[in-house]
Amino acid sequence: LGFFFLDTDRALVLLEEYCKKLRKPEEQQLKKAIRKVMGIFKSSLFQALLGSFKKKATRHGTTSHTTLPAALACDVLGCPKD
């Protein structure tokens, strides 16, 4: 299967755009959960783990152009794929 490059910046943009659409009172819990995930993506621990993962993937020649967080966000949010 190989590893995937994780594009957190793209995932964060997609999640932020989706959050802007969540305005109804019943959507606020989902919005709060998405913001929590965004906070995790921005955390220094997540970024350090991501950097380690990218180094290993590059060193072992198992990289891919697919971006996992962005692909996951698109799958969950119904975004069109590039």
PDB file of N, CA and C in Angstrom:
ATOM      1  N   LEU A   1       0.809  -1.204   0.000  1.00  0.00           N
ATOM      2  CA  LEU A   1       0.000   0.000   0.000  1.00  0.00           C
ATOM      3  C   LEU A   1       0.850   1.265   0.000  1.00  0.00           C
ATOM      4  N   GLY A   2       1.913   1.252   0.776  1.00  0.00           N
ATOM      5  CA  GLY A   2       2.771   2.429   0.842  1.00  0.00           C
ATOM      6  C   GLY A   2       2.236   3.465   1.809  1.00  0.00           C
ATOM      7  N   PHE A   3       3.054   4.452   2.101  1.00  0.00           N
ATOM      8  CA  PHE A   3       2.662   5.523   3.009  1.00  0.00           C
ATOM      9  C   PHE A   3       2.088   6.684   2.219  1.00  0.00           C
ATOM     10  N   PHE A   4       1.435   7.586   2.923  1.00  0.00           N
ATOM     11  CA  PHE A   4       0.843   8.768   2.310  1.00  0.00           C
ATOM     12  C   PHE A   4       1.483  10.011   2.898  1.00  0.00           C
ATOM     13  N   PHE A   5       1.710  11.012   2.060  1.00  0.00           N
ATOM     14  CA  PHE A   5       2.111  12.303   2.598  1.00  0.00           C
ATOM     15  C   PHE A   5       0.880  12.920   3.239  1.00  0.00           C
ATOM     16  N   LEU A   6       1.040  13.440   4.420  1.00  0.00           N
ATOM     17  CA  LEU A   6      -0.079  14.032   5.128  1.00  0.00           C
ATOM     18  C   LEU A   6      -0.074  15.538   4.917  1.00  0.00           C
ATOM     19  N   ASP A   7      -1.103  16.044   4.305  1.00  0.00           N
ATOM     20  CA  ASP A   7      -1.204  17.463   3.999  1.00  0.00           C
ATOM     21  C   ASP A   7      -2.177  18.118   4.976  1.00  0.00           C
ATOM     22  N   THR A   8      -1.680  18.455   6.153  1.00  0.00           N
ATOM     23  CA  THR A   8      -2.546  19.017   7.181  1.00  0.00           C
ATOM     24  C   THR A   8      -3.052  20.407   6.811  1.00  0.00           C
ATOM     25  N   ASP A   9      -2.254  21.181   6.087  1.00  0.00           N
ATOM     26  CA  ASP A   9      -2.697  22.522   5.695  1.00  0.00           C
ATOM     27  C   ASP A   9      -3.959  22.448   4.842  1.00  0.00           C
ATOM     28  N   ARG A  10      -3.967  21.544   3.881  1.00  0.00           N
ATOM     29  CA  ARG A  10      -5.148  21.381   3.016  1.00  0.00           C
ATOM     30  C   ARG A  10      -6.337  20.881   3.825  1.00  0.00           C
ATOM     31  N   ALA A  11      -6.104  19.931   4.720  1.00  0.00           N
ATOM     32  CA  ALA A  11      -7.184  19.417   5.564  1.00  0.00           C
ATOM     33  C   ALA A  11      -7.749  20.535   6.438  1.00  0.00           C
ATOM     34  N   LEU A  12      -6.877  21.362   6.995  1.00  0.00           N
ATOM     35  CA  LEU A  12      -7.334  22.461   7.843  1.00  0.00           C
ATOM     36  C   LEU A  12      -8.181  23.455   7.057  1.00  0.00           C
ATOM     37  N   VAL A  13      -7.784  23.749   5.842  1.00  0.00           N
ATOM     38  CA  VAL A  13      -8.561  24.666   4.999  1.00  0.00           C
ATOM     39  C   VAL A  13      -9.945  24.085   4.731  1.00  0.00           C
ATOM     40  N   LEU A  14      -9.994  22.799   4.369  1.00  0.00           N
ATOM     41  CA  LEU A  14     -11.281  22.154   4.083  1.00  0.00           C
ATOM     42  C   LEU A  14     -12.172  22.123   5.326  1.00  0.00           C
ATOM     43  N   LEU A  15     -11.582  21.803   6.467  1.00  0.00           N
ATOM     44  CA  LEU A  15     -12.359  21.763   7.702  1.00  0.00           C
ATOM     45  C   LEU A  15     -12.861  23.151   8.094  1.00  0.00           C
ATOM     46  N   GLU A  16     -12.024  24.157   7.908  1.00  0.00           N
ATOM     47  CA  GLU A  16     -12.431  25.533   8.219  1.00  0.00           C
ATOM     48  C   GLU A  16     -13.597  25.969   7.321  1.00  0.00           C
ATOM     49  N   GLU A  17     -13.508  25.659   6.032  1.00  0.00           N
ATOM     50  CA  GLU A  17     -14.589  25.996   5.100  1.00  0.00           C
ATOM     51  C   GLU A  17     -15.885  25.301   5.512  1.00  0.00           C
ATOM     52  N   TYR A  18     -15.788  24.054   5.913  1.00  0.00           N
ATOM     53  CA  TYR A  18     -16.960  23.310   6.336  1.00  0.00           C
ATOM     54  C   TYR A  18     -17.550  23.908   7.611  1.00  0.00           C
ATOM     55  N   CYS A  19     -16.692  24.286   8.552  1.00  0.00           N
ATOM     56  CA  CYS A  19     -17.162  24.887   9.808  1.00  0.00           C
ATOM     57  C   CYS A  19     -17.950  26.170   9.559  1.00  0.00           C
ATOM     58  N   LYS A  20     -17.534  26.935   8.574  1.00  0.00           N
ATOM     59  CA  LYS A  20     -18.234  28.187   8.261  1.00  0.00           C
ATOM     60  C   LYS A  20     -19.675  27.933   7.832  1.00  0.00           C
ATOM     61  N   LYS A  21     -19.939  26.748   7.299  1.00  0.00           N
ATOM     62  CA  LYS A  21     -21.288  26.402   6.845  1.00  0.00           C
ATOM     63  C   LYS A  21     -22.177  25.906   7.980  1.00  0.00           C
ATOM     64  N   LEU A  22     -21.588  25.590   9.121  1.00  0.00           N
ATOM     65  CA  LEU A  22     -22.338  25.050  10.252  1.00  0.00           C
ATOM     66  C   LEU A  22     -22.861  26.199  11.112  1.00  0.00           C
ATOM     67  N   ARG A  23     -24.100  26.589  10.874  1.00  0.00           N
ATOM     68  CA  ARG A  23     -24.673  27.747  11.566  1.00  0.00           C
ATOM     69  C   ARG A  23     -25.876  27.389  12.431  1.00  0.00           C
ATOM     70  N   LYS A  24     -26.519  26.277  12.141  1.00  0.00           N
ATOM     71  CA  LYS A  24     -27.721  25.884  12.882  1.00  0.00           C
ATOM     72  C   LYS A  24     -27.342  25.439  14.292  1.00  0.00           C
ATOM     73  N   PRO A  25     -28.238  25.671  15.253  1.00  0.00           N
ATOM     74  CA  PRO A  25     -27.953  25.251  16.633  1.00  0.00           C
ATOM     75  C   PRO A  25     -27.615  23.763  16.755  1.00  0.00           C
ATOM     76  N   GLU A  26     -28.296  22.920  16.002  1.00  0.00           N
ATOM     77  CA  GLU A  26     -28.035  21.477  16.093  1.00  0.00           C
ATOM     78  C   GLU A  26     -26.695  21.075  15.465  1.00  0.00           C
ATOM     79  N   GLU A  27     -26.053  21.983  14.761  1.00  0.00           N
ATOM     80  CA  GLU A  27     -24.758  21.706  14.136  1.00  0.00           C
ATOM     81  C   GLU A  27     -23.577  22.163  14.998  1.00  0.00           C
ATOM     82  N   GLN A  28     -23.854  22.821  16.090  1.00  0.00           N
ATOM     83  CA  GLN A  28     -22.781  23.404  16.899  1.00  0.00           C
ATOM     84  C   GLN A  28     -21.915  22.350  17.581  1.00  0.00           C
ATOM     85  N   GLN A  29     -22.495  21.221  17.937  1.00  0.00           N
ATOM     86  CA  GLN A  29     -21.698  20.156  18.557  1.00  0.00           C
ATOM     87  C   GLN A  29     -20.699  19.594  17.536  1.00  0.00           C
ATOM     88  N   LEU A  30     -21.146  19.413  16.296  1.00  0.00           N
ATOM     89  CA  LEU A  30     -20.256  18.949  15.233  1.00  0.00           C
ATOM     90  C   LEU A  30     -19.162  19.977  14.983  1.00  0.00           C
ATOM     91  N   LYS A  31     -19.544  21.245  14.960  1.00  0.00           N
ATOM     92  CA  LYS A  31     -18.572  22.322  14.742  1.00  0.00           C
ATOM     93  C   LYS A  31     -17.506  22.303  15.835  1.00  0.00           C
ATOM     94  N   LYS A  32     -17.930  22.109  17.076  1.00  0.00           N
ATOM     95  CA  LYS A  32     -16.997  22.052  18.202  1.00  0.00           C
ATOM     96  C   LYS A  32     -16.032  20.874  18.043  1.00  0.00           C
ATOM     97  N   ALA A  33     -16.543  19.717  17.620  1.00  0.00           N
ATOM     98  CA  ALA A  33     -15.699  18.534  17.424  1.00  0.00           C
ATOM     99  C   ALA A  33     -14.692  18.753  16.299  1.00  0.00           C
ATOM    100  N   ILE A  34     -15.136  19.385  15.226  1.00  0.00           N
ATOM    101  CA  ILE A  34     -14.233  19.664  14.099  1.00  0.00           C
ATOM    102  C   ILE A  34     -13.139  20.629  14.531  1.00  0.00           C
ATOM    103  N   ARG A  35     -13.505  21.632  15.295  1.00  0.00           N
ATOM    104  CA  ARG A  35     -12.503  22.592  15.800  1.00  0.00           C
ATOM    105  C   ARG A  35     -11.473  21.883  16.691  1.00  0.00           C
ATOM    106  N   LYS A  36     -11.919  20.891  17.442  1.00  0.00           N
ATOM    107  CA  LYS A  36     -11.007  20.122  18.292  1.00  0.00           C
ATOM    108  C   LYS A  36     -10.004  19.353  17.416  1.00  0.00           C
ATOM    109  N   VAL A  37     -10.484  18.737  16.346  1.00  0.00           N
ATOM    110  CA  VAL A  37      -9.598  18.029  15.412  1.00  0.00           C
ATOM    111  C   VAL A  37      -8.613  19.008  14.786  1.00  0.00           C
ATOM    112  N   MET A  38      -9.103  20.188  14.435  1.00  0.00           N
ATOM    113  CA  MET A  38      -8.226  21.199  13.853  1.00  0.00           C
ATOM    114  C   MET A  38      -7.122  21.586  14.838  1.00  0.00           C
ATOM    115  N   GLY A  39      -7.474  21.690  16.108  1.00  0.00           N
ATOM    116  CA  GLY A  39      -6.484  21.996  17.133  1.00  0.00           C
ATOM    117  C   GLY A  39      -5.421  20.917  17.238  1.00  0.00           C
ATOM    118  N   ILE A  40      -5.844  19.677  17.100  1.00  0.00           N
ATOM    119  CA  ILE A  40      -4.892  18.563  17.130  1.00  0.00           C
ATOM    120  C   ILE A  40      -3.953  18.646  15.933  1.00  0.00           C
ATOM    121  N   PHE A  41      -4.495  18.910  14.741  1.00  0.00           N
ATOM    122  CA  PHE A  41      -3.662  19.031  13.545  1.00  0.00           C
ATOM    123  C   PHE A  41      -2.630  20.149  13.695  1.00  0.00           C
ATOM    124  N   LYS A  42      -2.985  21.204  14.413  1.00  0.00           N
ATOM    125  CA  LYS A  42      -2.087  22.353  14.600  1.00  0.00           C
ATOM    126  C   LYS A  42      -1.096  22.154  15.746  1.00  0.00           C
ATOM    127  N   SER A  43      -1.305  21.142  16.574  1.00  0.00           N
ATOM    128  CA  SER A  43      -0.466  20.961  17.759  1.00  0.00           C
ATOM    129  C   SER A  43       0.978  20.618  17.388  1.00  0.00           C
ATOM    130  N   SER A  44       1.888  21.019  18.264  1.00  0.00           N
ATOM    131  CA  SER A  44       3.306  20.742  18.014  1.00  0.00           C
ATOM    132  C   SER A  44       3.591  19.242  18.082  1.00  0.00           C
ATOM    133  N   LEU A  45       2.881  18.505  18.927  1.00  0.00           N
ATOM    134  CA  LEU A  45       3.073  17.059  19.000  1.00  0.00           C
ATOM    135  C   LEU A  45       2.678  16.398  17.683  1.00  0.00           C
ATOM    136  N   PHE A  46       1.527  16.755  17.140  1.00  0.00           N
ATOM    137  CA  PHE A  46       1.079  16.180  15.875  1.00  0.00           C
ATOM    138  C   PHE A  46       2.066  16.528  14.767  1.00  0.00           C
ATOM    139  N   GLN A  47       2.514  17.766  14.728  1.00  0.00           N
ATOM    140  CA  GLN A  47       3.456  18.194  13.694  1.00  0.00           C
ATOM    141  C   GLN A  47       4.783  17.447  13.814  1.00  0.00           C
ATOM    142  N   ALA A  48       5.234  17.198  15.050  1.00  0.00           N
ATOM    143  CA  ALA A  48       6.478  16.442  15.250  1.00  0.00           C
ATOM    144  C   ALA A  48       6.313  15.000  14.777  1.00  0.00           C
ATOM    145  N   LEU A  49       5.193  14.379  15.112  1.00  0.00           N
ATOM    146  CA  LEU A  49       4.931  13.009  14.656  1.00  0.00           C
ATOM    147  C   LEU A  49       4.827  12.956  13.141  1.00  0.00           C
ATOM    148  N   LEU A  50       4.192  13.944  12.568  1.00  0.00           N
ATOM    149  CA  LEU A  50       4.056  14.024  11.122  1.00  0.00           C
ATOM    150  C   LEU A  50       5.421  14.155  10.454  1.00  0.00           C
ATOM    151  N   GLY A  51       6.280  14.993  11.026  1.00  0.00           N
ATOM    152  CA  GLY A  51       7.634  15.158  10.488  1.00  0.00           C
ATOM    153  C   GLY A  51       8.415  13.866  10.541  1.00  0.00           C
ATOM    154  N   SER A  52       8.276  13.130  11.637  1.00  0.00           N
ATOM    155  CA  SER A  52       8.947  11.841  11.782  1.00  0.00           C
ATOM    156  C   SER A  52       8.426  10.849  10.746  1.00  0.00           C
ATOM    157  N   PHE A  53       7.108  10.834  10.552  1.00  0.00           N
ATOM    158  CA  PHE A  53       6.489   9.944   9.578  1.00  0.00           C
ATOM    159  C   PHE A  53       6.982  10.256   8.160  1.00  0.00           C
ATOM    160  N   LYS A  54       7.025  11.539   7.831  1.00  0.00           N
ATOM    161  CA  LYS A  54       7.474  11.940   6.493  1.00  0.00           C
ATOM    162  C   LYS A  54       8.924  11.530   6.260  1.00  0.00           C
ATOM    163  N   LYS A  55       9.785  11.704   7.298  1.00  0.00           N
ATOM    164  CA  LYS A  55      11.197  11.308   7.169  1.00  0.00           C
ATOM    165  C   LYS A  55      11.321   9.817   6.891  1.00  0.00           C
ATOM    166  N   LYS A  56      10.596   9.016   7.670  1.00  0.00           N
ATOM    167  CA  LYS A  56      10.646   7.565   7.486  1.00  0.00           C
ATOM    168  C   LYS A  56      10.145   7.165   6.109  1.00  0.00           C
ATOM    169  N   ALA A  57       9.038   7.746   5.685  1.00  0.00           N
ATOM    170  CA  ALA A  57       8.457   7.410   4.391  1.00  0.00           C
ATOM    171  C   ALA A  57       9.417   7.771   3.260  1.00  0.00           C
ATOM    172  N   THR A  58      10.045   8.927   3.364  1.00  0.00           N
ATOM    173  CA  THR A  58      10.992   9.365   2.340  1.00  0.00           C
ATOM    174  C   THR A  58      12.231   8.474   2.333  1.00  0.00           C
ATOM    175  N   ARG A  59      12.728   8.158   3.521  1.00  0.00           N
ATOM    176  CA  ARG A  59      13.928   7.332   3.640  1.00  0.00           C
ATOM    177  C   ARG A  59      13.698   5.939   3.060  1.00  0.00           C
ATOM    178  N   HIS A  60      12.500   5.397   3.238  1.00  0.00           N
ATOM    179  CA  HIS A  60      12.194   4.053   2.757  1.00  0.00           C
ATOM    180  C   HIS A  60      11.615   4.051   1.342  1.00  0.00           C
ATOM    181  N   GLY A  61      11.482   5.230   0.745  1.00  0.00           N
ATOM    182  CA  GLY A  61      10.987   5.314  -0.622  1.00  0.00           C
ATOM    183  C   GLY A  61       9.543   4.877  -0.772  1.00  0.00           C
ATOM    184  N   THR A  62       8.749   5.095   0.272  1.00  0.00           N
ATOM    185  CA  THR A  62       7.354   4.656   0.228  1.00  0.00           C
ATOM    186  C   THR A  62       6.393   5.831   0.284  1.00  0.00           C
ATOM    187  N   THR A  63       6.746   6.928  -0.395  1.00  0.00           N
ATOM    188  CA  THR A  63       5.895   8.105  -0.377  1.00  0.00           C
ATOM    189  C   THR A  63       4.866   8.034  -1.499  1.00  0.00           C
ATOM    190  N   SER A  64       3.832   8.826  -1.344  1.00  0.00           N
ATOM    191  CA  SER A  64       2.773   8.903  -2.337  1.00  0.00           C
ATOM    192  C   SER A  64       2.318  10.341  -2.428  1.00  0.00           C
ATOM    193  N   HIS A  65       1.710  10.714  -3.527  1.00  0.00           N
ATOM    194  CA  HIS A  65       1.211  12.075  -3.683  1.00  0.00           C
ATOM    195  C   HIS A  65      -0.147  12.252  -3.018  1.00  0.00           C
ATOM    196  N   THR A  66      -0.784  11.185  -2.623  1.00  0.00           N
ATOM    197  CA  THR A  66      -2.078  11.260  -1.968  1.00  0.00           C
ATOM    198  C   THR A  66      -1.926  11.924  -0.609  1.00  0.00           C
ATOM    199  N   THR A  67      -2.841  12.791  -0.264  1.00  0.00           N
ATOM    200  CA  THR A  67      -2.803  13.470   1.017  1.00  0.00           C
ATOM    201  C   THR A  67      -3.896  12.899   1.908  1.00  0.00           C
ATOM    202  N   LEU A  68      -3.504  12.187   2.935  1.00  0.00           N
ATOM    203  CA  LEU A  68      -4.450  11.466   3.773  1.00  0.00           C
ATOM    204  C   LEU A  68      -5.435  12.360   4.514  1.00  0.00           C
ATOM    205  N   PRO A  69      -4.999  13.374   5.307  1.00  0.00           N
ATOM    206  CA  PRO A  69      -5.997  14.190   5.998  1.00  0.00           C
ATOM    207  C   PRO A  69      -6.946  14.898   5.041  1.00  0.00           C
ATOM    208  N   ALA A  70      -6.409  15.414   3.942  1.00  0.00           N
ATOM    209  CA  ALA A  70      -7.269  16.095   2.980  1.00  0.00           C
ATOM    210  C   ALA A  70      -8.243  15.122   2.337  1.00  0.00           C
ATOM    211  N   ALA A  71      -7.759  13.931   1.984  1.00  0.00           N
ATOM    212  CA  ALA A  71      -8.635  12.926   1.390  1.00  0.00           C
ATOM    213  C   ALA A  71      -9.712  12.500   2.376  1.00  0.00           C
ATOM    214  N   LEU A  72      -9.328  12.334   3.631  1.00  0.00           N
ATOM    215  CA  LEU A  72     -10.281  11.959   4.665  1.00  0.00           C
ATOM    216  C   LEU A  72     -11.317  13.061   4.853  1.00  0.00           C
ATOM    217  N   ALA A  73     -10.862  14.304   4.917  1.00  0.00           N
ATOM    218  CA  ALA A  73     -11.793  15.428   5.074  1.00  0.00           C
ATOM    219  C   ALA A  73     -12.747  15.483   3.892  1.00  0.00           C
ATOM    220  N   CYS A  74     -12.249  15.271   2.694  1.00  0.00           N
ATOM    221  CA  CYS A  74     -13.113  15.276   1.513  1.00  0.00           C
ATOM    222  C   CYS A  74     -14.111  14.137   1.545  1.00  0.00           C
ATOM    223  N   ASP A  75     -13.681  12.962   1.962  1.00  0.00           N
ATOM    224  CA  ASP A  75     -14.595  11.828   2.051  1.00  0.00           C
ATOM    225  C   ASP A  75     -15.701  12.109   3.053  1.00  0.00           C
ATOM    226  N   VAL A  76     -15.336  12.640   4.205  1.00  0.00           N
ATOM    227  CA  VAL A  76     -16.315  12.903   5.267  1.00  0.00           C
ATOM    228  C   VAL A  76     -17.233  14.062   4.886  1.00  0.00           C
ATOM    229  N   LEU A  77     -16.666  15.108   4.298  1.00  0.00           N
ATOM    230  CA  LEU A  77     -17.429  16.314   4.020  1.00  0.00           C
ATOM    231  C   LEU A  77     -18.046  16.334   2.636  1.00  0.00           C
ATOM    232  N   GLY A  78     -17.715  15.362   1.812  1.00  0.00           N
ATOM    233  CA  GLY A  78     -18.282  15.299   0.466  1.00  0.00           C
ATOM    234  C   GLY A  78     -17.669  16.296  -0.498  1.00  0.00           C
ATOM    235  N   CYS A  79     -16.413  16.648  -0.300  1.00  0.00           N
ATOM    236  CA  CYS A  79     -15.722  17.580  -1.180  1.00  0.00           C
ATOM    237  C   CYS A  79     -15.350  16.887  -2.484  1.00  0.00           C
ATOM    238  N   PRO A  80     -15.305  17.631  -3.575  1.00  0.00           N
ATOM    239  CA  PRO A  80     -14.844  17.031  -4.833  1.00  0.00           C
ATOM    240  C   PRO A  80     -13.365  16.738  -4.756  1.00  0.00           C
ATOM    241  N   LYS A  81     -12.940  15.631  -5.327  1.00  0.00           N
ATOM    242  CA  LYS A  81     -11.508  15.260  -5.335  1.00  0.00           C
ATOM    243  C   LYS A  81     -10.832  15.959  -6.508  1.00  0.00           C
ATOM    244  N   ASP A  82      -9.552  16.304  -6.303  1.00  0.00           N
ATOM    245  CA  ASP A  82      -8.765  16.970  -7.371  1.00  0.00           C
ATOM    246  C   ASP A  82      -8.435  15.978  -8.461  1.00  0.00           C
TER     247      ASP A  82
END
